[in-house]
PDB file of N, CA and C in Angstrom:
ATOM      1  N   MET A   1      -0.069 -19.343 -15.570  1.00  0.00           N
ATOM      2  CA  MET A   1       0.715 -18.366 -16.279  1.00  0.00           C
ATOM      3  C   MET A   1       1.859 -17.903 -15.378  1.00  0.00           C
ATOM      4  N   GLN A   2       3.065 -18.047 -15.814  1.00  0.00           N
ATOM      5  CA  GLN A   2       4.218 -17.609 -15.036  1.00  0.00           C
ATOM      6  C   GLN A   2       4.549 -16.162 -15.354  1.00  0.00           C
ATOM      7  N   ARG A   3       4.988 -15.443 -14.310  1.00  0.00           N
ATOM      8  CA  ARG A   3       5.414 -14.048 -14.451  1.00  0.00           C
ATOM      9  C   ARG A   3       6.828 -13.914 -13.932  1.00  0.00           C
ATOM     10  N   SER A   4       7.534 -12.958 -14.453  1.00  0.00           N
ATOM     11  CA  SER A   4       8.900 -12.712 -13.995  1.00  0.00           C
ATOM     12  C   SER A   4       8.855 -12.041 -12.620  1.00  0.00           C
ATOM     13  N   PRO A   5       9.942 -12.143 -11.848  1.00  0.00           N
ATOM     14  CA  PRO A   5       9.989 -11.442 -10.562  1.00  0.00           C
ATOM     15  C   PRO A   5       9.726  -9.946 -10.714  1.00  0.00           C
ATOM     16  N   ALA A   6      10.218  -9.342 -11.789  1.00  0.00           N
ATOM     17  CA  ALA A   6       9.996  -7.908 -12.014  1.00  0.00           C
ATOM     18  C   ALA A   6       8.509  -7.614 -12.224  1.00  0.00           C
ATOM     19  N   ASP A   7       7.802  -8.474 -12.961  1.00  0.00           N
ATOM     20  CA  ASP A   7       6.361  -8.287 -13.177  1.00  0.00           C
ATOM     21  C   ASP A   7       5.583  -8.401 -11.866  1.00  0.00           C
ATOM     22  N   VAL A   8       5.949  -9.381 -11.059  1.00  0.00           N
ATOM     23  CA  VAL A   8       5.266  -9.586  -9.773  1.00  0.00           C
ATOM     24  C   VAL A   8       5.515  -8.402  -8.850  1.00  0.00           C
ATOM     25  N   PHE A   9       6.761  -7.954  -8.769  1.00  0.00           N
ATOM     26  CA  PHE A   9       7.095  -6.808  -7.931  1.00  0.00           C
ATOM     27  C   PHE A   9       6.294  -5.585  -8.362  1.00  0.00           C
ATOM     28  N   ALA A  10       6.242  -5.325  -9.660  1.00  0.00           N
ATOM     29  CA  ALA A  10       5.490  -4.173 -10.176  1.00  0.00           C
ATOM     30  C   ALA A  10       4.016  -4.252  -9.798  1.00  0.00           C
ATOM     31  N   ALA A  11       3.441  -5.444  -9.820  1.00  0.00           N
ATOM     32  CA  ALA A  11       2.028  -5.609  -9.447  1.00  0.00           C
ATOM     33  C   ALA A  11       1.817  -5.377  -7.956  1.00  0.00           C
ATOM     34  N   VAL A  12       2.739  -5.841  -7.129  1.00  0.00           N
ATOM     35  CA  VAL A  12       2.596  -5.688  -5.675  1.00  0.00           C
ATOM     36  C   VAL A  12       2.709  -4.226  -5.263  1.00  0.00           C
ATOM     37  N   VAL A  13       3.644  -3.493  -5.833  1.00  0.00           N
ATOM     38  CA  VAL A  13       3.824  -2.093  -5.430  1.00  0.00           C
ATOM     39  C   VAL A  13       2.836  -1.157  -6.113  1.00  0.00           C
ATOM     40  N   ASP A  14       2.010  -1.675  -7.015  1.00  0.00           N
ATOM     41  CA  ASP A  14       0.959  -0.875  -7.639  1.00  0.00           C
ATOM     42  C   ASP A  14      -0.285  -0.910  -6.755  1.00  0.00           C
ATOM     43  N   VAL A  15      -0.165  -0.341  -5.564  1.00  0.00           N
ATOM     44  CA  VAL A  15      -1.252  -0.376  -4.589  1.00  0.00           C
ATOM     45  C   VAL A  15      -2.514   0.266  -5.161  1.00  0.00           C
ATOM     46  N   ARG A  16      -2.351   1.304  -5.939  1.00  0.00           N
ATOM     47  CA  ARG A  16      -3.515   1.968  -6.545  1.00  0.00           C
ATOM     48  C   ARG A  16      -4.272   1.030  -7.474  1.00  0.00           C
ATOM     49  N   GLY A  17      -3.577   0.082  -8.073  1.00  0.00           N
ATOM     50  CA  GLY A  17      -4.201  -0.854  -9.006  1.00  0.00           C
ATOM     51  C   GLY A  17      -5.035  -1.919  -8.325  1.00  0.00           C
ATOM     52  N   TRP A  18      -4.659  -2.306  -7.107  1.00  0.00           N
ATOM     53  CA  TRP A  18      -5.414  -3.379  -6.444  1.00  0.00           C
ATOM     54  C   TRP A  18      -6.173  -2.921  -5.210  1.00  0.00           C
ATOM     55  N   TRP A  19      -5.951  -1.683  -4.760  1.00  0.00           N
ATOM     56  CA  TRP A  19      -6.668  -1.218  -3.569  1.00  0.00           C
ATOM     57  C   TRP A  19      -7.576  -0.051  -3.925  1.00  0.00           C
ATOM     58  N   SER A  20      -6.976   1.073  -4.320  1.00  0.00           N
ATOM     59  CA  SER A  20      -7.773   2.255  -4.624  1.00  0.00           C
ATOM     60  C   SER A  20      -6.913   3.291  -5.337  1.00  0.00           C
ATOM     61  N   GLN A  21      -7.529   4.047  -6.214  1.00  0.00           N
ATOM     62  CA  GLN A  21      -6.832   5.156  -6.853  1.00  0.00           C
ATOM     63  C   GLN A  21      -6.629   6.315  -5.878  1.00  0.00           C
ATOM     64  N   ASP A  22      -7.305   6.271  -4.734  1.00  0.00           N
ATOM     65  CA  ASP A  22      -7.236   7.361  -3.759  1.00  0.00           C
ATOM     66  C   ASP A  22      -6.058   7.243  -2.801  1.00  0.00           C
ATOM     67  N   ILE A  23      -5.040   6.499  -3.167  1.00  0.00           N
ATOM     68  CA  ILE A  23      -3.822   6.384  -2.365  1.00  0.00           C
ATOM     69  C   ILE A  23      -3.006   7.656  -2.578  1.00  0.00           C
ATOM     70  N   GLN A  24      -2.482   8.212  -1.500  1.00  0.00           N
ATOM     71  CA  GLN A  24      -1.628   9.394  -1.578  1.00  0.00           C
ATOM     72  C   GLN A  24      -0.244   9.019  -1.078  1.00  0.00           C
ATOM     73  N   GLY A  25       0.798   9.247  -1.878  1.00  0.00           N
ATOM     74  CA  GLY A  25       2.157   9.026  -1.435  1.00  0.00           C
ATOM     75  C   GLY A  25       2.896   7.956  -2.214  1.00  0.00           C
ATOM     76  N   ASP A  26       4.069   7.612  -1.697  1.00  0.00           N
ATOM     77  CA  ASP A  26       5.010   6.691  -2.340  1.00  0.00           C
ATOM     78  C   ASP A  26       4.770   5.270  -1.843  1.00  0.00           C
ATOM     79  N   THR A  27       4.477   4.354  -2.742  1.00  0.00           N
ATOM     80  CA  THR A  27       4.165   2.970  -2.367  1.00  0.00           C
ATOM     81  C   THR A  27       5.298   1.990  -2.652  1.00  0.00           C
ATOM     82  N   ALA A  28       6.415   2.454  -3.211  1.00  0.00           N
ATOM     83  CA  ALA A  28       7.422   1.506  -3.682  1.00  0.00           C
ATOM     84  C   ALA A  28       8.846   1.750  -3.202  1.00  0.00           C
ATOM     85  N   THR A  29       9.083   2.821  -2.463  1.00  0.00           N
ATOM     86  CA  THR A  29      10.443   3.172  -2.065  1.00  0.00           C
ATOM     87  C   THR A  29      10.620   2.993  -0.566  1.00  0.00           C
ATOM     88  N   ALA A  30      11.702   2.364  -0.154  1.00  0.00           N
ATOM     89  CA  ALA A  30      11.969   2.209   1.280  1.00  0.00           C
ATOM     90  C   ALA A  30      11.961   3.576   1.953  1.00  0.00           C
ATOM     91  N   GLY A  31      11.222   3.673   3.055  1.00  0.00           N
ATOM     92  CA  GLY A  31      11.076   4.936   3.766  1.00  0.00           C
ATOM     93  C   GLY A  31       9.893   5.755   3.286  1.00  0.00           C
ATOM     94  N   GLY A  32       9.333   5.404   2.136  1.00  0.00           N
ATOM     95  CA  GLY A  32       8.173   6.120   1.614  1.00  0.00           C
ATOM     96  C   GLY A  32       6.947   5.837   2.462  1.00  0.00           C
ATOM     97  N   GLU A  33       5.999   6.749   2.441  1.00  0.00           N
ATOM     98  CA  GLU A  33       4.745   6.564   3.166  1.00  0.00           C
ATOM     99  C   GLU A  33       3.582   6.838   2.237  1.00  0.00           C
ATOM    100  N   PHE A  34       2.501   6.109   2.467  1.00  0.00           N
ATOM    101  CA  PHE A  34       1.281   6.400   1.728  1.00  0.00           C
ATOM    102  C   PHE A  34       0.084   6.281   2.654  1.00  0.00           C
ATOM    103  N   THR A  35      -0.975   6.968   2.282  1.00  0.00           N
ATOM    104  CA  THR A  35      -2.200   6.939   3.073  1.00  0.00           C
ATOM    105  C   THR A  35      -3.373   6.522   2.201  1.00  0.00           C
ATOM    106  N   TYR A  36      -4.326   5.917   2.857  1.00  0.00           N
ATOM    107  CA  TYR A  36      -5.579   5.506   2.227  1.00  0.00           C
ATOM    108  C   TYR A  36      -6.708   5.956   3.138  1.00  0.00           C
ATOM    109  N   ARG A  37      -7.714   6.539   2.550  1.00  0.00           N
ATOM    110  CA  ARG A  37      -8.875   6.978   3.325  1.00  0.00           C
ATOM    111  C   ARG A  37     -10.130   6.587   2.553  1.00  0.00           C
ATOM    112  N   TYR A  38     -11.068   6.007   3.262  1.00  0.00           N
ATOM    113  CA  TYR A  38     -12.375   5.699   2.677  1.00  0.00           C
ATOM    114  C   TYR A  38     -13.411   6.452   3.492  1.00  0.00           C
ATOM    115  N   THR A  39     -13.921   7.527   2.925  1.00  0.00           N
ATOM    116  CA  THR A  39     -14.840   8.449   3.598  1.00  0.00           C
ATOM    117  C   THR A  39     -14.374   8.659   5.036  1.00  0.00           C
ATOM    118  N   ASP A  40     -15.282   8.581   5.984  1.00  0.00           N
ATOM    119  CA  ASP A  40     -14.877   8.712   7.389  1.00  0.00           C
ATOM    120  C   ASP A  40     -14.909   7.358   8.090  1.00  0.00           C
ATOM    121  N   VAL A  41     -14.867   6.286   7.293  1.00  0.00           N
ATOM    122  CA  VAL A  41     -14.951   4.933   7.837  1.00  0.00           C
ATOM    123  C   VAL A  41     -13.570   4.342   8.106  1.00  0.00           C
ATOM    124  N   GLN A  42     -12.615   4.574   7.211  1.00  0.00           N
ATOM    125  CA  GLN A  42     -11.301   3.966   7.403  1.00  0.00           C
ATOM    126  C   GLN A  42     -10.200   4.918   6.977  1.00  0.00           C
ATOM    127  N   TYR A  43      -9.123   4.906   7.765  1.00  0.00           N
ATOM    128  CA  TYR A  43      -7.914   5.662   7.459  1.00  0.00           C
ATOM    129  C   TYR A  43      -6.727   4.756   7.750  1.00  0.00           C
ATOM    130  N   CYS A  44      -5.764   4.753   6.863  1.00  0.00           N
ATOM    131  CA  CYS A  44      -4.590   3.907   7.047  1.00  0.00           C
ATOM    132  C   CYS A  44      -3.364   4.659   6.533  1.00  0.00           C
ATOM    133  N   ARG A  45      -2.331   4.699   7.342  1.00  0.00           N
ATOM    134  CA  ARG A  45      -1.042   5.264   6.936  1.00  0.00           C
ATOM    135  C   ARG A  45      -0.033   4.122   6.976  1.00  0.00           C
ATOM    136  N   VAL A  46       0.660   3.897   5.877  1.00  0.00           N
ATOM    137  CA  VAL A  46       1.598   2.785   5.768  1.00  0.00           C
ATOM    138  C   VAL A  46       2.971   3.326   5.397  1.00  0.00           C
ATOM    139  N   GLN A  47       3.992   2.811   6.055  1.00  0.00           N
ATOM    140  CA  GLN A  47       5.361   3.163   5.705  1.00  0.00           C
ATOM    141  C   GLN A  47       6.016   1.948   5.057  1.00  0.00           C
ATOM    142  N   VAL A  48       6.669   2.173   3.923  1.00  0.00           N
ATOM    143  CA  VAL A  48       7.398   1.112   3.243  1.00  0.00           C
ATOM    144  C   VAL A  48       8.708   0.925   4.008  1.00  0.00           C
ATOM    145  N   ALA A  49       8.831  -0.213   4.684  1.00  0.00           N
ATOM    146  CA  ALA A  49       9.992  -0.465   5.529  1.00  0.00           C
ATOM    147  C   ALA A  49      11.185  -0.959   4.721  1.00  0.00           C
ATOM    148  N   GLU A  50      10.913  -1.722   3.684  1.00  0.00           N
ATOM    149  CA  GLU A  50      11.981  -2.340   2.898  1.00  0.00           C
ATOM    150  C   GLU A  50      11.524  -2.434   1.451  1.00  0.00           C
ATOM    151  N   ALA A  51      12.412  -2.159   0.529  1.00  0.00           N
ATOM    152  CA  ALA A  51      12.078  -2.309  -0.884  1.00  0.00           C
ATOM    153  C   ALA A  51      13.336  -2.639  -1.663  1.00  0.00           C
ATOM    154  N   GLY A  52      13.305  -3.766  -2.329  1.00  0.00           N
ATOM    155  CA  GLY A  52      14.389  -4.184  -3.213  1.00  0.00           C
ATOM    156  C   GLY A  52      13.754  -4.470  -4.553  1.00  0.00           C
ATOM    157  N   PRO A  53      13.811  -3.519  -5.477  1.00  0.00           N
ATOM    158  CA  PRO A  53      13.107  -3.691  -6.755  1.00  0.00           C
ATOM    159  C   PRO A  53      13.318  -5.065  -7.375  1.00  0.00           C
ATOM    160  N   GLY A  54      12.213  -5.700  -7.692  1.00  0.00           N
ATOM    161  CA  GLY A  54      12.247  -7.021  -8.289  1.00  0.00           C
ATOM    162  C   GLY A  54      12.476  -8.139  -7.291  1.00  0.00           C
ATOM    163  N   GLU A  55      12.642  -7.786  -5.991  1.00  0.00           N
ATOM    164  CA  GLU A  55      12.952  -8.793  -4.990  1.00  0.00           C
ATOM    165  C   GLU A  55      12.001  -8.811  -3.811  1.00  0.00           C
ATOM    166  N   ARG A  56      11.852  -7.647  -3.145  1.00  0.00           N
ATOM    167  CA  ARG A  56      11.114  -7.657  -1.883  1.00  0.00           C
ATOM    168  C   ARG A  56      10.540  -6.270  -1.603  1.00  0.00           C
ATOM    169  N   VAL A  57       9.356  -6.260  -1.017  1.00  0.00           N
ATOM    170  CA  VAL A  57       8.786  -5.029  -0.473  1.00  0.00           C
ATOM    171  C   VAL A  57       8.065  -5.409   0.813  1.00  0.00           C
ATOM    172  N   ASP A  58       8.238  -4.587   1.826  1.00  0.00           N
ATOM    173  CA  ASP A  58       7.646  -4.866   3.131  1.00  0.00           C
ATOM    174  C   ASP A  58       7.220  -3.549   3.736  1.00  0.00           C
ATOM    175  N   GLY A  59       6.104  -3.561   4.446  1.00  0.00           N
ATOM    176  CA  GLY A  59       5.617  -2.331   5.039  1.00  0.00           C
ATOM    177  C   GLY A  59       5.010  -2.555   6.394  1.00  0.00           C
ATOM    178  N   ALA A  60       4.828  -1.461   7.080  1.00  0.00           N
ATOM    179  CA  ALA A  60       4.205  -1.484   8.399  1.00  0.00           C
ATOM    180  C   ALA A  60       3.152  -0.395   8.437  1.00  0.00           C
ATOM    181  N   SER A  61       2.107  -0.642   9.180  1.00  0.00           N
ATOM    182  CA  SER A  61       1.041   0.331   9.311  1.00  0.00           C
ATOM    183  C   SER A  61       1.054   0.907  10.720  1.00  0.00           C
ATOM    184  N   PRO A  62       1.752   2.030  10.909  1.00  0.00           N
ATOM    185  CA  PRO A  62       1.813   2.605  12.247  1.00  0.00           C
ATOM    186  C   PRO A  62       0.503   3.237  12.687  1.00  0.00           C
ATOM    187  N   GLU A  63      -0.391   3.471  11.741  1.00  0.00           N
ATOM    188  CA  GLU A  63      -1.647   4.125  12.102  1.00  0.00           C
ATOM    189  C   GLU A  63      -2.785   3.621  11.222  1.00  0.00           C
ATOM    190  N   THR A  64      -3.733   2.966  11.824  1.00  0.00           N
ATOM    191  CA  THR A  64      -4.922   2.514  11.113  1.00  0.00           C
ATOM    192  C   THR A  64      -6.126   2.728  12.011  1.00  0.00           C
ATOM    193  N   THR A  65      -7.139   3.336  11.458  1.00  0.00           N
ATOM    194  CA  THR A  65      -8.382   3.502  12.220  1.00  0.00           C
ATOM    195  C   THR A  65      -9.538   3.066  11.335  1.00  0.00           C
ATOM    196  N   THR A  66     -10.476   2.399  11.937  1.00  0.00           N
ATOM    197  CA  THR A  66     -11.685   1.982  11.241  1.00  0.00           C
ATOM    198  C   THR A  66     -12.883   2.309  12.140  1.00  0.00           C
ATOM    199  N   ALA A  67     -13.835   2.981  11.573  1.00  0.00           N
ATOM    200  CA  ALA A  67     -15.043   3.325  12.321  1.00  0.00           C
ATOM    201  C   ALA A  67     -16.190   2.469  11.802  1.00  0.00           C
ATOM    202  N   LEU A  68     -16.872   1.807  12.708  1.00  0.00           N
ATOM    203  CA  LEU A  68     -18.036   1.004  12.333  1.00  0.00           C
ATOM    204  C   LEU A  68     -19.270   1.816  12.657  1.00  0.00           C
ATOM    205  N   LYS A  69     -20.105   1.958  11.667  1.00  0.00           N
ATOM    206  CA  LYS A  69     -21.330   2.728  11.866  1.00  0.00           C
ATOM    207  C   LYS A  69     -22.526   1.797  11.894  1.00  0.00           C
ATOM    208  N   THR A  70     -23.443   2.094  12.754  1.00  0.00           N
ATOM    209  CA  THR A  70     -24.689   1.330  12.791  1.00  0.00           C
ATOM    210  C   THR A  70     -25.806   2.282  12.418  1.00  0.00           C
ATOM    211  N   ARG A  71     -26.848   1.725  11.908  1.00  0.00           N
ATOM    212  CA  ARG A  71     -27.992   2.569  11.514  1.00  0.00           C
ATOM    213  C   ARG A  71     -28.949   2.730  12.648  1.00  0.00           C
TER     214      ARG A  71
END
């Protein structure tokens, strides 16, 4: 099934749709930041470095922490 570039871009920047509804912040605008937290196990802050609607989106994660728990 082929999709248009606009459809693909919309799916990629819909982080809440493929990762978690618990995303806080802007996932689609250059300079925007969003965070994801899963209990006290993982925290991730991502900054959208580049965004060209229908063309390109790129991000960097300046802060990610993951805690591994053992029983």
